[in-house]
């Protein structure tokens, strides 16, 4: 029963040493996968045109997004 209780307990960051907290902060919580999912038998990959189209549509800032609001002093 003790082992089950230990498995259910969470680490409390304030009780960790600074070094242990740093390790938790700088450890990625998830992993980014680029490109398409690899399906068994499939050999297609992203084409340069597809990547450029994505960047133009979603990733690059548009002119209207770059406009700053005037600051009054």
Foldseek 3Di string as FASTA:
>chain_A
DVVVVVVPDDDDLVPDDPVVNVCVVPDDPDDDDDWDDDDPPDDDTDDPVNVVVCCVVPPDDDPVNPDDDDDDD
